[in-house]
């Protein structure tokens, strides 16, 4: 298996878990994380928190899409390289090396002239 493909798969899994977490934090009606921390002296306002979560969702979704497409091409290029190696190995015909035992067991047939 290609190392590049393996790294891509690990990144895809990490991004998928992060994306699921961010989607679960959001509230479908616009509350979500901002509703839980709605103190008057909070650093980020309600609108900024939802903006951050929305941008994070879109960024993670886009990166997941791009990594899935790249991994598809990496998977096919890895298979092509493996197929090429197996074709090269199949083209080589292995012949046993002659040994003294094989030479002694060989029978000669007289050729008529």
C-alpha atoms as a PDB file:
ATOM      1  CA  UNK A   1       0.000   0.000   0.000  1.00  0.00           C
ATOM      2  CA  UNK A   2       1.192   3.465  -0.814  1.00  0.00           C
ATOM      3  CA  UNK A   3       2.358   5.523   2.214  1.00  0.00           C
ATOM      4  CA  UNK A   4       0.874   8.695   0.719  1.00  0.00           C
ATOM      5  CA  UNK A   5      -2.514   6.976   0.441  1.00  0.00           C
ATOM      6  CA  UNK A   6      -2.309   5.820   4.060  1.00  0.00           C
ATOM      7  CA  UNK A   7      -1.588   9.371   5.263  1.00  0.00           C
ATOM      8  CA  UNK A   8      -4.544  10.650   3.258  1.00  0.00           C
ATOM      9  CA  UNK A   9      -6.863   8.074   4.794  1.00  0.00           C
ATOM     10  CA  UNK A  10      -5.758   9.053   8.310  1.00  0.00           C
ATOM     11  CA  UNK A  11      -6.330  12.747   7.534  1.00  0.00           C
ATOM     12  CA  UNK A  12      -9.771  11.952   6.110  1.00  0.00           C
ATOM     13  CA  UNK A  13     -10.731  10.095   9.286  1.00  0.00           C
ATOM     14  CA  UNK A  14      -9.543  12.958  11.520  1.00  0.00           C
ATOM     15  CA  UNK A  15     -11.423  15.561   9.474  1.00  0.00           C
ATOM     16  CA  UNK A  16     -14.579  13.418   9.453  1.00  0.00           C
ATOM     17  CA  UNK A  17     -14.537  13.160  13.259  1.00  0.00           C
ATOM     18  CA  UNK A  18     -13.942  16.919  13.618  1.00  0.00           C
ATOM     19  CA  UNK A  19     -16.725  17.678  11.154  1.00  0.00           C
ATOM     20  CA  UNK A  20     -19.157  15.435  13.024  1.00  0.00           C
ATOM     21  CA  UNK A  21     -18.250  17.154  16.290  1.00  0.00           C
ATOM     22  CA  UNK A  22     -18.747  20.648  14.894  1.00  0.00           C
ATOM     23  CA  UNK A  23     -22.079  19.711  13.330  1.00  0.00           C
ATOM     24  CA  UNK A  24     -23.273  18.241  16.623  1.00  0.00           C
ATOM     25  CA  UNK A  25     -22.287  21.405  18.523  1.00  0.00           C
ATOM     26  CA  UNK A  26     -24.415  23.551  16.234  1.00  0.00           C
ATOM     27  CA  UNK A  27     -28.100  24.012  16.857  1.00  0.00           C
ATOM     28  CA  UNK A  28     -30.351  23.816  13.840  1.00  0.00           C
ATOM     29  CA  UNK A  29     -32.205  26.954  14.978  1.00  0.00           C
ATOM     30  CA  UNK A  30     -29.091  29.065  15.400  1.00  0.00           C
ATOM     31  CA  UNK A  31     -28.448  28.525  19.129  1.00  0.00           C
ATOM     32  CA  UNK A  32     -25.878  25.797  19.594  1.00  0.00           C
ATOM     33  CA  UNK A  33     -22.620  26.744  21.275  1.00  0.00           C
ATOM     34  CA  UNK A  34     -23.560  30.407  21.483  1.00  0.00           C
ATOM     35  CA  UNK A  35     -26.705  29.624  23.485  1.00  0.00           C
ATOM     36  CA  UNK A  36     -24.747  27.703  26.108  1.00  0.00           C
ATOM     37  CA  UNK A  37     -22.304  30.543  26.794  1.00  0.00           C
ATOM     38  CA  UNK A  38     -24.538  33.579  26.508  1.00  0.00           C
ATOM     39  CA  UNK A  39     -23.009  35.683  29.283  1.00  0.00           C
ATOM     40  CA  UNK A  40     -23.032  39.472  28.805  1.00  0.00           C
ATOM     41  CA  UNK A  41     -19.257  39.738  29.190  1.00  0.00           C
ATOM     42  CA  UNK A  42     -18.242  36.980  26.800  1.00  0.00           C
ATOM     43  CA  UNK A  43     -15.304  37.523  24.485  1.00  0.00           C
ATOM     44  CA  UNK A  44     -17.011  36.349  21.316  1.00  0.00           C
ATOM     45  CA  UNK A  45     -20.554  37.444  20.651  1.00  0.00           C
ATOM     46  CA  UNK A  46     -23.387  35.154  19.663  1.00  0.00           C
ATOM     47  CA  UNK A  47     -23.058  36.063  16.011  1.00  0.00           C
ATOM     48  CA  UNK A  48     -19.279  35.563  15.959  1.00  0.00           C
ATOM     49  CA  UNK A  49     -19.568  32.109  17.481  1.00  0.00           C
ATOM     50  CA  UNK A  50     -22.064  30.966  14.878  1.00  0.00           C
ATOM     51  CA  UNK A  51     -19.945  32.538  12.129  1.00  0.00           C
ATOM     52  CA  UNK A  52     -16.911  30.606  13.372  1.00  0.00           C
ATOM     53  CA  UNK A  53     -18.830  27.325  13.510  1.00  0.00           C
ATOM     54  CA  UNK A  54     -20.254  27.888  10.038  1.00  0.00           C
ATOM     55  CA  UNK A  55     -16.839  28.711   8.561  1.00  0.00           C
ATOM     56  CA  UNK A  56     -15.296  25.714  10.292  1.00  0.00           C
ATOM     57  CA  UNK A  57     -18.039  23.455   8.923  1.00  0.00           C
ATOM     58  CA  UNK A  58     -17.583  24.674   5.354  1.00  0.00           C
ATOM     59  CA  UNK A  59     -13.781  24.510   5.605  1.00  0.00           C
ATOM     60  CA  UNK A  60     -13.787  20.968   6.967  1.00  0.00           C
ATOM     61  CA  UNK A  61     -16.375  19.831   4.413  1.00  0.00           C
ATOM     62  CA  UNK A  62     -14.371  21.302   1.527  1.00  0.00           C
ATOM     63  CA  UNK A  63     -11.111  19.799   2.790  1.00  0.00           C
ATOM     64  CA  UNK A  64     -12.814  16.429   3.220  1.00  0.00           C
ATOM     65  CA  UNK A  65     -14.035  16.572  -0.373  1.00  0.00           C
ATOM     66  CA  UNK A  66     -10.602  17.531  -1.715  1.00  0.00           C
ATOM     67  CA  UNK A  67      -8.816  14.832   0.301  1.00  0.00           C
ATOM     68  CA  UNK A  68     -11.278  12.186  -0.881  1.00  0.00           C
ATOM     69  CA  UNK A  69     -10.660  13.135  -4.504  1.00  0.00           C
ATOM     70  CA  UNK A  70      -6.877  13.177  -4.030  1.00  0.00           C
ATOM     71  CA  UNK A  71      -6.979   9.804  -2.287  1.00  0.00           C
ATOM     72  CA  UNK A  72      -8.934   8.355  -5.210  1.00  0.00           C
ATOM     73  CA  UNK A  73      -6.184   9.397  -7.610  1.00  0.00           C
ATOM     74  CA  UNK A  74      -3.495   8.178  -5.197  1.00  0.00           C
ATOM     75  CA  UNK A  75      -5.229   4.812  -4.918  1.00  0.00           C
ATOM     76  CA  UNK A  76      -5.384   4.387  -8.702  1.00  0.00           C
ATOM     77  CA  UNK A  77      -1.769   5.461  -9.211  1.00  0.00           C
ATOM     78  CA  UNK A  78      -0.676   2.991  -6.530  1.00  0.00           C
ATOM     79  CA  UNK A  79      -2.590   0.203  -8.244  1.00  0.00           C
ATOM     80  CA  UNK A  80      -1.060   1.099 -11.598  1.00  0.00           C
ATOM     81  CA  UNK A  81       2.421   0.903 -10.103  1.00  0.00           C
ATOM     82  CA  UNK A  82       1.623  -2.461  -8.498  1.00  0.00           C
ATOM     83  CA  UNK A  83       0.208  -3.794 -11.781  1.00  0.00           C
ATOM     84  CA  UNK A  84       3.281  -2.611 -13.631  1.00  0.00           C
ATOM     85  CA  UNK A  85       5.556  -4.373 -11.132  1.00  0.00           C
ATOM     86  CA  UNK A  86       3.571  -7.604 -11.373  1.00  0.00           C
ATOM     87  CA  UNK A  87       3.671  -7.425 -15.178  1.00  0.00           C
ATOM     88  CA  UNK A  88       7.430  -6.986 -15.094  1.00  0.00           C
ATOM     89  CA  UNK A  89       7.781  -9.924 -12.724  1.00  0.00           C
ATOM     90  CA  UNK A  90       5.556 -12.102 -14.912  1.00  0.00           C
ATOM     91  CA  UNK A  91       7.661 -11.323 -17.984  1.00  0.00           C
ATOM     92  CA  UNK A  92      10.793 -12.736 -16.375  1.00  0.00           C
ATOM     93  CA  UNK A  93      10.986 -16.475 -16.985  1.00  0.00           C
ATOM     94  CA  UNK A  94      12.938 -18.258 -14.364  1.00  0.00           C
ATOM     95  CA  UNK A  95      14.960 -21.195 -15.573  1.00  0.00           C
ATOM     96  CA  UNK A  96      16.635 -23.499 -13.092  1.00  0.00           C
ATOM     97  CA  UNK A  97      20.380 -23.301 -13.004  1.00  0.00           C
ATOM     98  CA  UNK A  98      22.132 -26.428 -14.253  1.00  0.00           C
ATOM     99  CA  UNK A  99      23.611 -28.527 -11.485  1.00  0.00           C
ATOM    100  CA  UNK A 100      25.949 -31.491 -11.453  1.00  0.00           C
ATOM    101  CA  UNK A 101      23.116 -33.813 -10.411  1.00  0.00           C
ATOM    102  CA  UNK A 102      21.001 -32.718 -13.364  1.00  0.00           C
ATOM    103  CA  UNK A 103      23.943 -33.226 -15.737  1.00  0.00           C
ATOM    104  CA  UNK A 104      24.533 -36.759 -14.461  1.00  0.00           C
ATOM    105  CA  UNK A 105      20.862 -37.709 -14.794  1.00  0.00           C
ATOM    106  CA  UNK A 106      20.573 -36.354 -18.300  1.00  0.00           C
ATOM    107  CA  UNK A 107      20.408 -39.038 -20.929  1.00  0.00           C
ATOM    108  CA  UNK A 108      21.841 -38.488 -24.322  1.00  0.00           C
ATOM    109  CA  UNK A 109      20.161 -39.710 -27.412  1.00  0.00           C
ATOM    110  CA  UNK A 110      22.473 -40.538 -30.296  1.00  0.00           C
ATOM    111  CA  UNK A 111      21.825 -38.502 -33.363  1.00  0.00           C
ATOM    112  CA  UNK A 112      21.875 -40.379 -36.637  1.00  0.00           C
ATOM    113  CA  UNK A 113      23.678 -38.684 -39.408  1.00  0.00           C
END
